[in-house]
Amino acid sequence: MSQKYYNYNSEHRHIRENRAISGHHAMIQLPEKYLHINDRRYALKLGNLKISGNTIIFNLPPITTCPGRGICESYCYAMSPHFQNIAESRQINYEHSLGSYFTIDMIRIIKRLLSKYTYIRAMRLHEAGDFYSQTYFRKWITIAKAIPEITFYAYTKSAFTQFGFEIPDNMVLWYSHGGKFDAKYKTENNQALVIHPGQKFPKGVYRCPAIGHPEKVCGRDCTYCSRRKNGRRVAFPLH
């Protein structure tokens, strides 16, 4: 299978980094003291080159934690060679996520960050990775219920997340096309599409304004994906 990974070193990179330096877009390196619980260290960050620093990001290893993956594996941006230097931290997050202590640890860390960075508004789950099991998914439901003051949102190919779970009002799920369970998605679900070069954008689908426009920042200029409303569709140009 040919790999067409995300081009991290795009022409927009320097613009986004300059914006971060100028303060218009926060990409904050979190102090170590905020990431430790007892002897356990977690990898979280505030913002990235596209997402505003008002958003906490939590990642897992790509591919291996994505049970619903399909053709998307051939163009997964989380598999870019650039990200290999943080593969260990994502693996550590995964190992912690298996533990019975994970839910309480996350609640403590997130509340710690909220007390320090009072402008945090959302938490993006799985810039890399996915809900790899129902047990793991339930942990995040519990965490979201415990912290109603921010929104938790994720794009997922794990079809089980749409059946039999009581999703809290501050948790927004987007069922991401490109996996092996696309046929299970209901028309009333939020759905996310990737538009490849040469493909036309479907009518009535919201196009992400942050891709291809480095002056736009997800979470600052657009909050479409972190607002709860069923039956919406969003599209992302392949990047």
Protein backbone atom coordinates (compact mmCIF):
# COMPACT_ATOMS: atom_id res chain seq x y z
CA MET A 1 0.00 0.00 0.00
CA SER A 2 1.50 3.33 -0.99
CA GLN A 3 1.81 5.84 1.82
CA LYS A 4 0.71 9.43 1.18
CA TYR A 5 1.29 10.92 4.56
CA TYR A 6 0.56 14.41 5.81
CA ASN A 7 3.10 16.96 4.63
CA TYR A 8 4.21 18.40 7.97
CA ASN A 9 6.85 20.58 6.31
CA SER A 10 4.32 22.42 4.20
CA GLU A 11 4.64 25.96 2.93
CA HIS A 12 2.29 27.05 5.72
CA ARG A 13 4.44 25.78 8.55
CA HIS A 14 6.53 28.92 8.98
CA ILE A 15 3.41 31.10 8.99
CA ARG A 16 1.84 29.06 11.77
CA GLU A 17 5.07 29.08 13.78
CA ASN A 18 5.45 32.81 13.39
CA ARG A 19 1.88 33.26 14.56
CA ALA A 20 2.66 31.13 17.61
CA ILE A 21 5.69 33.28 18.41
CA SER A 22 3.70 36.47 17.98
CA GLY A 23 1.07 35.27 20.43
CA HIS A 24 -1.83 35.10 17.99
CA HIS A 25 -1.87 31.33 18.23
CA ALA A 26 -0.71 29.51 21.34
CA MET A 27 1.30 26.32 21.06
CA ILE A 28 2.32 25.92 24.67
CA GLN A 29 4.96 23.58 26.00
CA LEU A 30 3.43 22.41 29.26
CA PRO A 31 5.64 22.37 32.36
CA GLU A 32 6.52 18.87 33.47
CA LYS A 33 4.93 19.36 36.88
CA TYR A 34 1.48 19.49 35.25
CA LEU A 35 1.93 16.15 33.48
CA HIS A 36 2.87 13.90 36.39
CA ILE A 37 0.63 11.97 38.76
CA ASN A 38 2.69 10.11 41.34
CA ASP A 39 5.36 8.35 39.24
CA ARG A 40 3.26 8.38 36.07
CA ARG A 41 4.01 10.85 33.30
CA TYR A 42 1.44 11.71 30.60
CA ALA A 43 1.94 13.44 27.26
CA LEU A 44 -0.52 16.26 26.68
CA LYS A 45 -0.16 19.55 24.88
CA LEU A 46 -2.00 22.79 24.29
CA GLY A 47 -2.58 23.45 20.59
CA ASN A 48 -0.59 22.49 17.51
CA LEU A 49 0.11 24.05 14.11
CA LYS A 50 -3.62 24.13 13.33
CA ILE A 51 -5.42 24.01 16.67
CA SER A 52 -5.51 26.90 19.11
CA GLY A 53 -3.79 26.75 22.47
CA ASN A 54 -7.18 26.89 24.15
CA THR A 55 -7.47 23.16 23.40
CA ILE A 56 -5.81 20.28 25.25
CA ILE A 57 -4.69 17.45 22.95
CA PHE A 58 -4.31 13.80 23.99
CA ASN A 59 -2.83 11.23 21.61
CA LEU A 60 -2.31 7.50 21.26
CA PRO A 61 -0.19 5.51 18.80
CA PRO A 62 -1.77 5.65 15.32
CA ILE A 63 -2.89 2.56 13.37
CA THR A 64 -2.50 0.03 16.20
CA THR A 65 -5.17 1.75 18.32
CA CYS A 66 -7.54 2.30 15.39
CA PRO A 67 -9.70 -0.85 15.08
CA GLY A 68 -11.92 0.77 12.44
CA ARG A 69 -9.12 1.84 10.13
CA GLY A 70 -9.45 1.16 6.43
CA ILE A 71 -8.17 2.98 3.36
CA CYS A 72 -7.37 5.92 5.65
CA GLU A 73 -4.25 4.06 6.74
CA SER A 74 -2.64 4.96 3.41
CA TYR A 75 -2.84 8.71 4.04
CA CYS A 76 -2.88 9.00 7.84
CA TYR A 77 -1.13 12.25 8.73
CA ALA A 78 -0.26 10.86 12.19
CA MET A 79 2.13 8.47 10.41
CA SER A 80 4.28 11.26 9.04
CA PRO A 81 7.98 10.61 9.70
CA HIS A 82 8.06 13.88 11.66
CA PHE A 83 5.94 12.36 14.40
CA GLN A 84 8.16 9.33 14.95
CA ASN A 85 10.18 11.24 17.54
CA ILE A 86 7.10 11.34 19.80
CA ALA A 87 6.06 7.73 19.24
CA GLU A 88 7.33 6.76 22.69
CA SER A 89 5.19 9.35 24.49
CA ARG A 90 2.09 8.19 22.62
CA GLN A 91 2.87 4.60 23.56
CA ILE A 92 3.18 5.62 27.22
CA ASN A 93 -0.23 7.32 27.03
CA TYR A 94 -1.65 4.09 25.66
CA GLU A 95 -0.13 1.98 28.41
CA HIS A 96 -1.53 4.33 31.05
CA SER A 97 -4.94 4.27 29.37
CA LEU A 98 -5.15 0.54 30.11
CA GLY A 99 -4.80 1.11 33.84
CA SER A 100 -7.62 1.35 36.35
CA TYR A 101 -6.09 4.63 37.53
CA PHE A 102 -6.36 6.35 34.13
CA THR A 103 -9.75 8.01 34.64
CA ILE A 104 -8.84 9.61 37.96
CA ASP A 105 -5.41 10.64 36.67
CA MET A 106 -6.91 12.40 33.65
CA ILE A 107 -9.51 14.22 35.72
CA ARG A 108 -6.81 15.45 38.09
CA ILE A 109 -4.47 16.57 35.30
CA ILE A 110 -7.17 18.33 33.28
CA LYS A 111 -8.48 20.18 36.34
CA ARG A 112 -4.89 21.14 37.17
CA LEU A 113 -4.46 22.60 33.68
CA LEU A 114 -7.79 24.43 33.86
CA SER A 115 -6.75 26.14 37.07
CA LYS A 116 -3.52 27.35 35.44
CA TYR A 117 -4.67 28.06 31.87
CA THR A 118 -8.08 29.57 32.45
CA TYR A 119 -8.70 30.15 28.74
CA ILE A 120 -8.91 26.40 27.93
CA ARG A 121 -12.23 25.66 26.25
CA ALA A 122 -11.93 22.17 24.75
CA MET A 123 -10.07 18.88 24.67
CA ARG A 124 -9.29 17.16 21.39
CA LEU A 125 -9.05 13.41 21.74
CA HIS A 126 -6.83 11.53 19.34
CA GLU A 127 -5.07 13.76 16.92
CA ALA A 128 -3.48 10.33 16.60
CA GLY A 129 -5.17 7.10 17.63
CA ASP A 130 -8.81 6.24 18.31
CA PHE A 131 -11.17 4.65 20.82
CA TYR A 132 -9.63 1.19 20.71
CA SER A 133 -12.15 -0.52 23.02
CA GLN A 134 -15.50 0.05 24.70
CA THR A 135 -13.85 0.05 28.11
CA TYR A 136 -11.49 2.82 27.04
CA PHE A 137 -14.36 4.80 25.53
CA ARG A 138 -16.30 4.56 28.80
CA LYS A 139 -13.32 6.05 30.62
CA TRP A 140 -13.51 9.18 28.49
CA ILE A 141 -17.26 9.43 28.99
CA THR A 142 -16.64 9.42 32.75
CA ILE A 143 -13.91 12.03 32.40
CA ALA A 144 -16.12 14.31 30.29
CA LYS A 145 -18.98 14.03 32.78
CA ALA A 146 -16.62 15.03 35.58
CA ILE A 147 -15.46 18.18 33.75
CA PRO A 148 -18.57 19.77 32.18
CA GLU A 149 -16.94 23.19 31.80
CA ILE A 150 -15.07 22.20 28.62
CA THR A 151 -16.00 20.28 25.47
CA PHE A 152 -14.40 16.95 24.58
CA TYR A 153 -14.44 16.16 20.88
CA ALA A 154 -13.06 13.42 18.65
CA TYR A 155 -13.18 12.00 15.14
CA THR A 156 -13.60 8.24 15.31
CA LYS A 157 -13.91 5.19 13.09
CA SER A 158 -14.91 2.98 16.01
CA ALA A 159 -18.53 2.25 15.15
CA PHE A 160 -19.34 0.88 18.60
CA THR A 161 -19.28 4.42 20.00
CA GLN A 162 -22.70 5.16 18.50
CA PHE A 163 -24.53 2.26 20.16
CA GLY A 164 -25.63 1.88 23.77
CA PHE A 165 -23.69 4.74 25.35
CA GLU A 166 -25.02 7.79 27.16
CA ILE A 167 -22.90 10.55 25.67
CA PRO A 168 -22.71 13.67 27.87
CA ASP A 169 -23.70 17.02 26.43
CA ASN A 170 -20.09 18.24 26.48
CA MET A 171 -18.82 15.36 24.32
CA VAL A 172 -18.98 15.66 20.53
CA LEU A 173 -18.20 12.70 18.27
CA TRP A 174 -17.60 12.83 14.53
CA TYR A 175 -17.83 9.53 12.68
CA SER A 176 -14.91 9.69 10.29
CA HIS A 177 -15.24 8.13 6.84
CA GLY A 178 -12.45 6.10 5.30
CA GLY A 179 -12.70 3.11 7.64
CA LYS A 180 -14.20 -0.34 7.39
CA PHE A 181 -17.39 0.49 9.26
CA ASP A 182 -18.68 3.38 7.12
CA ALA A 183 -21.92 1.52 6.36
CA LYS A 184 -22.83 1.48 10.05
CA TYR A 185 -23.00 5.26 10.33
CA LYS A 186 -26.47 6.70 10.67
CA THR A 187 -27.59 9.72 8.69
CA GLU A 188 -28.34 11.54 11.94
CA ASN A 189 -24.75 11.17 13.16
CA ASN A 190 -22.12 13.85 12.79
CA GLN A 191 -19.89 12.75 9.92
CA ALA A 192 -16.43 13.81 8.79
CA LEU A 193 -15.08 13.36 5.26
CA VAL A 194 -11.61 13.63 3.72
CA ILE A 195 -11.64 15.15 0.23
CA HIS A 196 -8.81 13.96 -1.99
CA PRO A 197 -7.23 16.00 -4.78
CA GLY A 198 -9.55 16.03 -7.78
CA GLN A 199 -12.65 15.25 -5.72
CA LYS A 200 -15.44 17.79 -5.46
CA PHE A 201 -16.76 18.94 -2.14
CA PRO A 202 -20.28 17.57 -1.60
CA LYS A 203 -23.06 20.12 -1.44
CA GLY A 204 -24.22 21.08 2.01
CA VAL A 205 -21.01 19.95 3.70
CA TYR A 206 -19.06 22.41 5.83
CA ARG A 207 -15.47 22.83 4.65
CA CYS A 208 -12.82 23.17 7.35
CA PRO A 209 -11.47 26.74 7.00
CA ALA A 210 -8.18 26.04 8.79
CA ILE A 211 -6.70 23.72 6.16
CA GLY A 212 -5.01 25.60 3.38
CA HIS A 213 -5.49 28.93 5.16
CA PRO A 214 -2.73 29.31 7.75
CA GLU A 215 -4.22 32.55 9.06
CA LYS A 216 -7.21 30.56 10.34
CA VAL A 217 -6.96 28.75 13.66
CA CYS A 218 -9.16 25.86 14.76
CA GLY A 219 -10.71 26.65 18.12
CA ARG A 220 -10.16 30.37 17.75
CA ASP A 221 -11.62 31.32 14.36
CA CYS A 222 -13.85 28.26 14.03
CA THR A 223 -15.51 26.06 16.65
CA TYR A 224 -17.74 24.09 14.28
CA CYS A 225 -16.40 20.67 15.31
CA SER A 226 -16.56 21.30 19.05
CA ARG A 227 -20.20 22.41 19.05
CA ARG A 228 -22.75 19.72 19.76
CA LYS A 229 -25.37 19.37 17.07
CA ASN A 230 -26.42 16.07 15.50
CA GLY A 231 -26.66 15.47 11.78
CA ARG A 232 -23.86 17.73 10.58
CA ARG A 233 -21.18 16.96 8.02
CA VAL A 234 -17.69 18.46 7.78
CA ALA A 235 -15.03 17.94 5.12
CA PHE A 236 -11.27 18.26 5.29
CA PRO A 237 -9.06 18.57 2.20
CA LEU A 238 -6.34 15.91 2.31
CA HIS A 239 -3.34 17.61 3.90
